[in-house]
PDB file of all heavy atoms in Angstrom:
ATOM      1  N   LEU A   1       0.819  -1.207   0.000  1.00  0.00           N
ATOM      2  CA  LEU A   1       0.000   0.000   0.000  1.00  0.00           C
ATOM      3  C   LEU A   1       0.857   1.263   0.000  1.00  0.00           C
ATOM      4  O   LEU A   1       0.395   2.315  -0.423  1.00  0.00           O
ATOM      5  CB  LEU A   1      -0.929   0.000   1.209  1.00  0.00           C
ATOM      6  CG  LEU A   1      -2.064  -1.014   1.161  1.00  0.00           C
ATOM      7  CD1 LEU A   1      -2.776  -1.067   2.499  1.00  0.00           C
ATOM      8  CD2 LEU A   1      -3.022  -0.711   0.046  1.00  0.00           C
ATOM      9  N   ALA A   2       2.104   1.167   0.471  1.00  0.00           N
ATOM     10  CA  ALA A   2       2.957   2.352   0.581  1.00  0.00           C
ATOM     11  C   ALA A   2       3.507   2.788  -0.778  1.00  0.00           C
ATOM     12  O   ALA A   2       3.424   3.955  -1.135  1.00  0.00           O
ATOM     13  CB  ALA A   2       4.107   2.087   1.550  1.00  0.00           C
ATOM     14  N   THR A   3       4.085   1.866  -1.518  1.00  0.00           N
ATOM     15  CA  THR A   3       4.660   2.221  -2.819  1.00  0.00           C
ATOM     16  C   THR A   3       4.296   1.152  -3.847  1.00  0.00           C
ATOM     17  O   THR A   3       4.215  -0.033  -3.521  1.00  0.00           O
ATOM     18  CB  THR A   3       6.198   2.318  -2.759  1.00  0.00           C
ATOM     19  OG1 THR A   3       6.719   1.059  -2.336  1.00  0.00           O
ATOM     20  CG2 THR A   3       6.645   3.411  -1.822  1.00  0.00           C
ATOM     21  N   PRO A   4       4.079   1.544  -5.083  1.00  0.00           N
ATOM     22  CA  PRO A   4       3.730   0.562  -6.115  1.00  0.00           C
ATOM     23  C   PRO A   4       4.848  -0.428  -6.420  1.00  0.00           C
ATOM     24  O   PRO A   4       4.584  -1.573  -6.761  1.00  0.00           O
ATOM     25  CB  PRO A   4       3.424   1.401  -7.344  1.00  0.00           C
ATOM     26  CG  PRO A   4       3.381   2.801  -6.916  1.00  0.00           C
ATOM     27  CD  PRO A   4       3.995   2.900  -5.573  1.00  0.00           C
ATOM     28  N   PHE A   5       6.101   0.010  -6.282  1.00  0.00           N
ATOM     29  CA  PHE A   5       7.211  -0.898  -6.573  1.00  0.00           C
ATOM     30  C   PHE A   5       7.207  -2.085  -5.625  1.00  0.00           C
ATOM     31  O   PHE A   5       7.302  -3.233  -6.048  1.00  0.00           O
ATOM     32  CB  PHE A   5       8.546  -0.153  -6.486  1.00  0.00           C
ATOM     33  CG  PHE A   5       9.731  -1.070  -6.599  1.00  0.00           C
ATOM     34  CD1 PHE A   5      10.082  -1.601  -7.824  1.00  0.00           C
ATOM     35  CD2 PHE A   5      10.479  -1.402  -5.482  1.00  0.00           C
ATOM     36  CE1 PHE A   5      11.173  -2.456  -7.935  1.00  0.00           C
ATOM     37  CE2 PHE A   5      11.562  -2.252  -5.581  1.00  0.00           C
ATOM     38  CZ  PHE A   5      11.908  -2.779  -6.810  1.00  0.00           C
ATOM     39  N   TRP A   6       7.103  -1.824  -4.338  1.00  0.00           N
ATOM     40  CA  TRP A   6       7.103  -2.927  -3.377  1.00  0.00           C
ATOM     41  C   TRP A   6       5.831  -3.757  -3.479  1.00  0.00           C
ATOM     42  O   TRP A   6       5.831  -4.946  -3.179  1.00  0.00           O
ATOM     43  CB  TRP A   6       7.311  -2.415  -1.962  1.00  0.00           C
ATOM     44  CG  TRP A   6       8.727  -2.017  -1.744  1.00  0.00           C
ATOM     45  CD1 TRP A   6       9.205  -0.763  -1.595  1.00  0.00           C
ATOM     46  CD2 TRP A   6       9.858  -2.885  -1.703  1.00  0.00           C
ATOM     47  NE1 TRP A   6      10.571  -0.794  -1.466  1.00  0.00           N
ATOM     48  CE2 TRP A   6      10.995  -2.084  -1.521  1.00  0.00           C
ATOM     49  CE3 TRP A   6      10.029  -4.259  -1.814  1.00  0.00           C
ATOM     50  CZ2 TRP A   6      12.278  -2.620  -1.449  1.00  0.00           C
ATOM     51  CZ3 TRP A   6      11.309  -4.782  -1.733  1.00  0.00           C
ATOM     52  CH2 TRP A   6      12.413  -3.969  -1.550  1.00  0.00           C
ATOM     53  N   GLY A   7       4.755  -3.139  -3.921  1.00  0.00           N
ATOM     54  CA  GLY A   7       3.541  -3.908  -4.172  1.00  0.00           C
ATOM     55  C   GLY A   7       3.743  -4.917  -5.276  1.00  0.00           C
ATOM     56  O   GLY A   7       3.312  -6.068  -5.180  1.00  0.00           O
ATOM     57  N   LEU A   8       4.416  -4.491  -6.334  1.00  0.00           N
ATOM     58  CA  LEU A   8       4.700  -5.402  -7.440  1.00  0.00           C
ATOM     59  C   LEU A   8       5.671  -6.498  -7.017  1.00  0.00           C
ATOM     60  O   LEU A   8       5.495  -7.665  -7.378  1.00  0.00           O
ATOM     61  CB  LEU A   8       5.257  -4.619  -8.622  1.00  0.00           C
ATOM     62  CG  LEU A   8       5.497  -5.396  -9.902  1.00  0.00           C
ATOM     63  CD1 LEU A   8       4.193  -5.950 -10.438  1.00  0.00           C
ATOM     64  CD2 LEU A   8       6.144  -4.504 -10.935  1.00  0.00           C
ATOM     65  N   VAL A   9       6.673  -6.142  -6.234  1.00  0.00           N
ATOM     66  CA  VAL A   9       7.649  -7.131  -5.766  1.00  0.00           C
ATOM     67  C   VAL A   9       6.972  -8.178  -4.880  1.00  0.00           C
ATOM     68  O   VAL A   9       7.208  -9.385  -5.036  1.00  0.00           O
ATOM     69  CB  VAL A   9       8.814  -6.436  -5.019  1.00  0.00           C
ATOM     70  CG1 VAL A   9       9.677  -7.436  -4.293  1.00  0.00           C
ATOM     71  CG2 VAL A   9       9.641  -5.616  -5.989  1.00  0.00           C
ATOM     72  N   THR A  10       6.124  -7.748  -3.962  1.00  0.00           N
ATOM     73  CA  THR A  10       5.454  -8.715  -3.084  1.00  0.00           C
ATOM     74  C   THR A  10       4.451  -9.561  -3.857  1.00  0.00           C
ATOM     75  O   THR A  10       4.314 -10.758  -3.586  1.00  0.00           O
ATOM     76  CB  THR A  10       4.755  -8.013  -1.914  1.00  0.00           C
ATOM     77  OG1 THR A  10       3.838  -7.045  -2.424  1.00  0.00           O
ATOM     78  CG2 THR A  10       5.745  -7.361  -0.985  1.00  0.00           C
ATOM     79  N   TYR A  11       3.768  -8.972  -4.837  1.00  0.00           N
ATOM     80  CA  TYR A  11       2.812  -9.744  -5.629  1.00  0.00           C
ATOM     81  C   TYR A  11       3.521 -10.831  -6.430  1.00  0.00           C
ATOM     82  O   TYR A  11       3.086 -11.977  -6.450  1.00  0.00           O
ATOM     83  CB  TYR A  11       2.039  -8.809  -6.559  1.00  0.00           C
ATOM     84  CG  TYR A  11       1.037  -9.514  -7.431  1.00  0.00           C
ATOM     85  CD1 TYR A  11      -0.106 -10.079  -6.880  1.00  0.00           C
ATOM     86  CD2 TYR A  11       1.235  -9.625  -8.796  1.00  0.00           C
ATOM     87  CE1 TYR A  11      -1.029 -10.733  -7.673  1.00  0.00           C
ATOM     88  CE2 TYR A  11       0.320 -10.270  -9.600  1.00  0.00           C
ATOM     89  CZ  TYR A  11      -0.811 -10.824  -9.037  1.00  0.00           C
ATOM     90  OH  TYR A  11      -1.710 -11.471  -9.820  1.00  0.00           O
ATOM     91  N   ILE A  12       4.629 -10.475  -7.062  1.00  0.00           N
ATOM     92  CA  ILE A  12       5.387 -11.469  -7.825  1.00  0.00           C
ATOM     93  C   ILE A  12       5.989 -12.506  -6.876  1.00  0.00           C
ATOM     94  O   ILE A  12       6.041 -13.696  -7.198  1.00  0.00           O
ATOM     95  CB  ILE A  12       6.473 -10.784  -8.673  1.00  0.00           C
ATOM     96  CG1 ILE A  12       5.797  -9.994  -9.797  1.00  0.00           C
ATOM     97  CG2 ILE A  12       7.455 -11.784  -9.244  1.00  0.00           C
ATOM     98  CD1 ILE A  12       6.741  -9.142 -10.610  1.00  0.00           C
ATOM     99  N   GLY A  13       6.417 -12.064  -5.689  1.00  0.00           N
ATOM    100  CA  GLY A  13       6.944 -13.014  -4.711  1.00  0.00           C
ATOM    101  C   GLY A  13       5.902 -14.010  -4.250  1.00  0.00           C
ATOM    102  O   GLY A  13       6.186 -15.207  -4.105  1.00  0.00           O
ATOM    103  N   VAL A  14       4.688 -13.548  -4.027  1.00  0.00           N
ATOM    104  CA  VAL A  14       3.609 -14.458  -3.619  1.00  0.00           C
ATOM    105  C   VAL A  14       3.289 -15.429  -4.744  1.00  0.00           C
ATOM    106  O   VAL A  14       3.076 -16.619  -4.511  1.00  0.00           O
ATOM    107  CB  VAL A  14       2.358 -13.655  -3.186  1.00  0.00           C
ATOM    108  CG1 VAL A  14       1.137 -14.533  -3.093  1.00  0.00           C
ATOM    109  CG2 VAL A  14       2.599 -12.989  -1.852  1.00  0.00           C
ATOM    110  N   LEU A  15       3.258 -14.946  -5.981  1.00  0.00           N
ATOM    111  CA  LEU A  15       2.984 -15.839  -7.099  1.00  0.00           C
ATOM    112  C   LEU A  15       4.112 -16.851  -7.320  1.00  0.00           C
ATOM    113  O   LEU A  15       3.866 -17.993  -7.694  1.00  0.00           O
ATOM    114  CB  LEU A  15       2.761 -15.036  -8.378  1.00  0.00           C
ATOM    115  CG  LEU A  15       1.459 -14.242  -8.454  1.00  0.00           C
ATOM    116  CD1 LEU A  15       1.395 -13.495  -9.782  1.00  0.00           C
ATOM    117  CD2 LEU A  15       0.271 -15.149  -8.299  1.00  0.00           C
ATOM    118  N   TYR A  16       5.342 -16.434  -7.085  1.00  0.00           N
ATOM    119  CA  TYR A  16       6.480 -17.329  -7.316  1.00  0.00           C
ATOM    120  C   TYR A  16       6.650 -18.336  -6.177  1.00  0.00           C
ATOM    121  O   TYR A  16       6.876 -19.520  -6.411  1.00  0.00           O
ATOM    122  CB  TYR A  16       7.754 -16.507  -7.486  1.00  0.00           C
ATOM    123  CG  TYR A  16       8.974 -17.349  -7.732  1.00  0.00           C
ATOM    124  CD1 TYR A  16       9.157 -17.987  -8.939  1.00  0.00           C
ATOM    125  CD2 TYR A  16       9.939 -17.510  -6.746  1.00  0.00           C
ATOM    126  CE1 TYR A  16      10.269 -18.765  -9.174  1.00  0.00           C
ATOM    127  CE2 TYR A  16      11.050 -18.286  -6.965  1.00  0.00           C
ATOM    128  CZ  TYR A  16      11.218 -18.912  -8.179  1.00  0.00           C
ATOM    129  OH  TYR A  16      12.314 -19.683  -8.393  1.00  0.00           O
ATOM    130  N   LEU A  17       6.542 -17.881  -4.934  1.00  0.00           N
ATOM    131  CA  LEU A  17       6.789 -18.764  -3.797  1.00  0.00           C
ATOM    132  C   LEU A  17       5.595 -19.657  -3.450  1.00  0.00           C
ATOM    133  O   LEU A  17       5.772 -20.705  -2.843  1.00  0.00           O
ATOM    134  CB  LEU A  17       7.176 -17.937  -2.570  1.00  0.00           C
ATOM    135  CG  LEU A  17       8.489 -17.172  -2.701  1.00  0.00           C
ATOM    136  CD1 LEU A  17       8.714 -16.321  -1.466  1.00  0.00           C
ATOM    137  CD2 LEU A  17       9.639 -18.130  -2.899  1.00  0.00           C
ATOM    138  N   ARG A  18       4.395 -19.239  -3.814  1.00  0.00           N
ATOM    139  CA  ARG A  18       3.156 -19.995  -3.596  1.00  0.00           C
ATOM    140  C   ARG A  18       3.005 -20.496  -2.160  1.00  0.00           C
ATOM    141  O   ARG A  18       3.016 -21.705  -1.894  1.00  0.00           O
ATOM    142  CB  ARG A  18       3.076 -21.169  -4.552  1.00  0.00           C
ATOM    143  CG  ARG A  18       3.049 -20.755  -5.968  1.00  0.00           C
ATOM    144  CD  ARG A  18       2.968 -21.936  -6.861  1.00  0.00           C
ATOM    145  NE  ARG A  18       3.234 -21.520  -8.222  1.00  0.00           N
ATOM    146  CZ  ARG A  18       2.795 -22.154  -9.267  1.00  0.00           C
ATOM    147  NH1 ARG A  18       2.096 -23.232  -9.128  1.00  0.00           N
ATOM    148  NH2 ARG A  18       3.072 -21.712 -10.465  1.00  0.00           N
ATOM    149  N   PRO A  19       2.839 -19.587  -1.211  1.00  0.00           N
ATOM    150  CA  PRO A  19       2.669 -20.042   0.175  1.00  0.00           C
ATOM    151  C   PRO A  19       1.365 -20.798   0.382  1.00  0.00           C
ATOM    152  O   PRO A  19       1.232 -21.546   1.351  1.00  0.00           O
ATOM    153  CB  PRO A  19       2.684 -18.747   0.977  1.00  0.00           C
ATOM    154  CG  PRO A  19       2.290 -17.693   0.028  1.00  0.00           C
ATOM    155  CD  PRO A  19       2.796 -18.141  -1.309  1.00  0.00           C
ATOM    156  N   MET A  20       0.412 -20.657  -0.535  1.00  0.00           N
ATOM    157  CA  MET A  20      -0.846 -21.368  -0.409  1.00  0.00           C
ATOM    158  C   MET A  20      -0.667 -22.871  -0.604  1.00  0.00           C
ATOM    159  O   MET A  20      -1.442 -23.656  -0.077  1.00  0.00           O
ATOM    160  CB  MET A  20      -1.869 -20.855  -1.440  1.00  0.00           C
ATOM    161  CG  MET A  20      -2.293 -19.417  -1.255  1.00  0.00           C
ATOM    162  SD  MET A  20      -1.114 -18.196  -1.851  1.00  0.00           S
ATOM    163  CE  MET A  20      -0.999 -18.515  -3.582  1.00  0.00           C
ATOM    164  N   GLU A  21       0.339 -23.282  -1.366  1.00  0.00           N
ATOM    165  CA  GLU A  21       0.583 -24.702  -1.562  1.00  0.00           C
ATOM    166  C   GLU A  21       1.460 -25.287  -0.467  1.00  0.00           C
ATOM    167  O   GLU A  21       1.376 -26.467  -0.162  1.00  0.00           O
ATOM    168  CB  GLU A  21       1.206 -24.934  -2.932  1.00  0.00           C
ATOM    169  CG  GLU A  21       0.255 -24.621  -4.068  1.00  0.00           C
ATOM    170  CD  GLU A  21       0.865 -24.877  -5.426  1.00  0.00           C
ATOM    171  OE1 GLU A  21       1.969 -25.448  -5.489  1.00  0.00           O
ATOM    172  OE2 GLU A  21       0.230 -24.498  -6.417  1.00  0.00           O
ATOM    173  N   VAL A  22       2.327 -24.455   0.105  1.00  0.00           N
ATOM    174  CA  VAL A  22       3.183 -24.934   1.189  1.00  0.00           C
ATOM    175  C   VAL A  22       2.368 -25.105   2.474  1.00  0.00           C
ATOM    176  O   VAL A  22       2.499 -26.092   3.179  1.00  0.00           O
ATOM    177  CB  VAL A  22       4.358 -23.951   1.410  1.00  0.00           C
ATOM    178  CG1 VAL A  22       5.197 -24.375   2.603  1.00  0.00           C
ATOM    179  CG2 VAL A  22       5.208 -23.869   0.168  1.00  0.00           C
ATOM    180  N   TYR A  23       1.519 -24.112   2.758  1.00  0.00           N
ATOM    181  CA  TYR A  23       0.649 -24.151   3.919  1.00  0.00           C
ATOM    182  C   TYR A  23      -0.796 -24.191   3.429  1.00  0.00           C
ATOM    183  O   TYR A  23      -1.363 -23.160   3.076  1.00  0.00           O
ATOM    184  CB  TYR A  23       0.867 -22.920   4.803  1.00  0.00           C
ATOM    185  CG  TYR A  23       2.298 -22.768   5.259  1.00  0.00           C
ATOM    186  CD1 TYR A  23       3.121 -21.797   4.712  1.00  0.00           C
ATOM    187  CD2 TYR A  23       2.821 -23.609   6.227  1.00  0.00           C
ATOM    188  CE1 TYR A  23       4.426 -21.665   5.121  1.00  0.00           C
ATOM    189  CE2 TYR A  23       4.129 -23.486   6.635  1.00  0.00           C
ATOM    190  CZ  TYR A  23       4.930 -22.511   6.085  1.00  0.00           C
ATOM    191  OH  TYR A  23       6.226 -22.383   6.488  1.00  0.00           O
ATOM    192  N   PRO A  24      -1.428 -25.363   3.386  1.00  0.00           N
ATOM    193  CA  PRO A  24      -2.767 -25.475   2.795  1.00  0.00           C
ATOM    194  C   PRO A  24      -3.840 -24.641   3.510  1.00  0.00           C
ATOM    195  O   PRO A  24      -4.836 -24.276   2.897  1.00  0.00           O
ATOM    196  CB  PRO A  24      -3.086 -26.966   2.913  1.00  0.00           C
ATOM    197  CG  PRO A  24      -1.798 -27.648   3.112  1.00  0.00           C
ATOM    198  CD  PRO A  24      -0.888 -26.651   3.759  1.00  0.00           C
ATOM    199  N   PHE A  25      -3.650 -24.318   4.787  1.00  0.00           N
ATOM    200  CA  PHE A  25      -4.665 -23.528   5.480  1.00  0.00           C
ATOM    201  C   PHE A  25      -4.723 -22.096   4.972  1.00  0.00           C
ATOM    202  O   PHE A  25      -5.693 -21.394   5.225  1.00  0.00           O
ATOM    203  CB  PHE A  25      -4.445 -23.544   6.993  1.00  0.00           C
ATOM    204  CG  PHE A  25      -3.160 -22.910   7.443  1.00  0.00           C
ATOM    205  CD1 PHE A  25      -3.107 -21.556   7.723  1.00  0.00           C
ATOM    206  CD2 PHE A  25      -2.019 -23.672   7.590  1.00  0.00           C
ATOM    207  CE1 PHE A  25      -1.927 -20.970   8.128  1.00  0.00           C
ATOM    208  CE2 PHE A  25      -0.841 -23.091   8.004  1.00  0.00           C
ATOM    209  CZ  PHE A  25      -0.791 -21.735   8.272  1.00  0.00           C
ATOM    210  N   LEU A  26      -3.717 -21.641   4.220  1.00  0.00           N
ATOM    211  CA  LEU A  26      -3.720 -20.295   3.645  1.00  0.00           C
ATOM    212  C   LEU A  26      -4.490 -20.214   2.328  1.00  0.00           C
ATOM    213  O   LEU A  26      -4.764 -19.120   1.845  1.00  0.00           O
ATOM    214  CB  LEU A  26      -2.289 -19.821   3.401  1.00  0.00           C
ATOM    215  CG  LEU A  26      -1.433 -19.553   4.628  1.00  0.00           C
ATOM    216  CD1 LEU A  26      -0.026 -19.197   4.202  1.00  0.00           C
ATOM    217  CD2 LEU A  26      -2.042 -18.452   5.454  1.00  0.00           C
ATOM    218  N   SER A  27      -4.857 -21.359   1.766  1.00  0.00           N
ATOM    219  CA  SER A  27      -5.516 -21.340   0.460  1.00  0.00           C
ATOM    220  C   SER A  27      -6.910 -20.715   0.518  1.00  0.00           C
ATOM    221  O   SER A  27      -7.418 -20.253  -0.489  1.00  0.00           O
ATOM    222  CB  SER A  27      -5.608 -22.749  -0.103  1.00  0.00           C
ATOM    223  OG  SER A  27      -6.409 -23.557   0.734  1.00  0.00           O
ATOM    224  N   GLN A  28      -7.522 -20.676   1.665  1.00  0.00           N
ATOM    225  CA  GLN A  28      -8.859 -20.102   1.780  1.00  0.00           C
ATOM    226  C   GLN A  28      -8.846 -18.578   1.806  1.00  0.00           C
ATOM    227  O   GLN A  28      -9.896 -17.957   1.688  1.00  0.00           O
ATOM    228  CB  GLN A  28      -9.551 -20.615   3.031  1.00  0.00           C
ATOM    229  CG  GLN A  28      -8.851 -20.232   4.315  1.00  0.00           C
ATOM    230  CD  GLN A  28      -9.486 -20.874   5.524  1.00  0.00           C
ATOM    231  OE1 GLN A  28     -10.554 -21.433   5.414  1.00  0.00           O
ATOM    232  NE2 GLN A  28      -8.838 -20.781   6.652  1.00  0.00           N
ATOM    233  N   PHE A  29      -7.684 -17.947   1.947  1.00  0.00           N
ATOM    234  CA  PHE A  29      -7.602 -16.497   2.061  1.00  0.00           C
ATOM    235  C   PHE A  29      -7.366 -15.778   0.731  1.00  0.00           C
ATOM    236  O   PHE A  29      -7.418 -14.565   0.689  1.00  0.00           O
ATOM    237  CB  PHE A  29      -6.508 -16.092   3.049  1.00  0.00           C
ATOM    238  CG  PHE A  29      -6.780 -16.557   4.444  1.00  0.00           C
ATOM    239  CD1 PHE A  29      -5.939 -17.450   5.055  1.00  0.00           C
ATOM    240  CD2 PHE A  29      -7.886 -16.106   5.130  1.00  0.00           C
ATOM    241  CE1 PHE A  29      -6.186 -17.888   6.338  1.00  0.00           C
ATOM    242  CE2 PHE A  29      -8.146 -16.526   6.413  1.00  0.00           C
ATOM    243  CZ  PHE A  29      -7.294 -17.430   7.020  1.00  0.00           C
ATOM    244  N   HIS A  30      -7.078 -16.485  -0.356  1.00  0.00           N
ATOM    245  CA  HIS A  30      -6.825 -15.896  -1.672  1.00  0.00           C
ATOM    246  C   HIS A  30      -5.746 -14.809  -1.577  1.00  0.00           C
ATOM    247  O   HIS A  30      -5.972 -13.651  -1.902  1.00  0.00           O
ATOM    248  CB  HIS A  30      -8.099 -15.322  -2.277  1.00  0.00           C
ATOM    249  CG  HIS A  30      -9.204 -16.323  -2.376  1.00  0.00           C
ATOM    250  ND1 HIS A  30      -9.191 -17.333  -3.311  1.00  0.00           N
ATOM    251  CD2 HIS A  30     -10.331 -16.491  -1.653  1.00  0.00           C
ATOM    252  CE1 HIS A  30     -10.272 -18.069  -3.163  1.00  0.00           C
ATOM    253  NE2 HIS A  30     -10.980 -17.581  -2.160  1.00  0.00           N
ATOM    254  N   ILE A  31      -4.583 -15.197  -1.124  1.00  0.00           N
ATOM    255  CA  ILE A  31      -3.500 -14.261  -0.833  1.00  0.00           C
ATOM    256  C   ILE A  31      -3.051 -13.498  -2.072  1.00  0.00           C
ATOM    257  O   ILE A  31      -2.817 -12.287  -2.014  1.00  0.00           O
ATOM    258  CB  ILE A  31      -2.320 -15.011  -0.186  1.00  0.00           C
ATOM    259  CG1 ILE A  31      -2.754 -15.567   1.163  1.00  0.00           C
ATOM    260  CG2 ILE A  31      -1.115 -14.115  -0.025  1.00  0.00           C
ATOM    261  CD1 ILE A  31      -1.746 -16.452   1.807  1.00  0.00           C
ATOM    262  N   ALA A  32      -2.943 -14.164  -3.203  1.00  0.00           N
ATOM    263  CA  ALA A  32      -2.487 -13.478  -4.422  1.00  0.00           C
ATOM    264  C   ALA A  32      -3.479 -12.392  -4.830  1.00  0.00           C
ATOM    265  O   ALA A  32      -3.081 -11.308  -5.247  1.00  0.00           O
ATOM    266  CB  ALA A  32      -2.301 -14.486  -5.544  1.00  0.00           C
ATOM    267  N   ARG A  33      -4.755 -12.665  -4.686  1.00  0.00           N
ATOM    268  CA  ARG A  33      -5.765 -11.657  -5.035  1.00  0.00           C
ATOM    269  C   ARG A  33      -5.703 -10.468  -4.086  1.00  0.00           C
ATOM    270  O   ARG A  33      -5.825  -9.308  -4.510  1.00  0.00           O
ATOM    271  CB  ARG A  33      -7.151 -12.288  -4.994  1.00  0.00           C
ATOM    272  CG  ARG A  33      -8.230 -11.345  -5.468  1.00  0.00           C
ATOM    273  CD  ARG A  33      -9.579 -12.010  -5.495  1.00  0.00           C
ATOM    274  NE  ARG A  33      -9.532 -13.146  -6.408  1.00  0.00           N
ATOM    275  CZ  ARG A  33     -10.378 -14.176  -6.359  1.00  0.00           C
ATOM    276  NH1 ARG A  33     -11.315 -14.209  -5.448  1.00  0.00           N
ATOM    277  NH2 ARG A  33     -10.288 -15.159  -7.213  1.00  0.00           N
ATOM    278  N   ILE A  34      -5.483 -10.724  -2.807  1.00  0.00           N
ATOM    279  CA  ILE A  34      -5.381  -9.647  -1.817  1.00  0.00           C
ATOM    280  C   ILE A  34      -4.181  -8.757  -2.119  1.00  0.00           C
ATOM    281  O   ILE A  34      -4.275  -7.526  -2.094  1.00  0.00           O
ATOM    282  CB  ILE A  34      -5.305 -10.218  -0.392  1.00  0.00           C
ATOM    283  CG1 ILE A  34      -6.639 -10.858  -0.026  1.00  0.00           C
ATOM    284  CG2 ILE A  34      -4.928  -9.145   0.620  1.00  0.00           C
ATOM    285  CD1 ILE A  34      -6.602 -11.651   1.259  1.00  0.00           C
ATOM    286  N   PHE A  35      -3.034  -9.361  -2.444  1.00  0.00           N
ATOM    287  CA  PHE A  35      -1.848  -8.573  -2.764  1.00  0.00           C
ATOM    288  C   PHE A  35      -2.007  -7.830  -4.086  1.00  0.00           C
ATOM    289  O   PHE A  35      -1.501  -6.729  -4.243  1.00  0.00           O
ATOM    290  CB  PHE A  35      -0.596  -9.444  -2.784  1.00  0.00           C
ATOM    291  CG  PHE A  35      -0.004  -9.649  -1.427  1.00  0.00           C
ATOM    292  CD1 PHE A  35      -0.209 -10.825  -0.738  1.00  0.00           C
ATOM    293  CD2 PHE A  35       0.735  -8.663  -0.825  1.00  0.00           C
ATOM    294  CE1 PHE A  35       0.324 -11.017   0.510  1.00  0.00           C
ATOM    295  CE2 PHE A  35       1.282  -8.839   0.424  1.00  0.00           C
ATOM    296  CZ  PHE A  35       1.073 -10.022   1.100  1.00  0.00           C
ATOM    297  N   GLY A  36      -2.705  -8.420  -5.037  1.00  0.00           N
ATOM    298  CA  GLY A  36      -2.959  -7.727  -6.295  1.00  0.00           C
ATOM    299  C   GLY A  36      -3.833  -6.503  -6.104  1.00  0.00           C
ATOM    300  O   GLY A  36      -3.568  -5.431  -6.651  1.00  0.00           O
TER     301      GLY A  36
END
């Protein structure tokens, strides 16, 4: 929310690292959509 650059970095990081697959309980929160 502070700067668009870090927003893009975190969004790409979430898409690349896929924490929803590592921790299945996070899949219900739609993390990539929230960061987007």
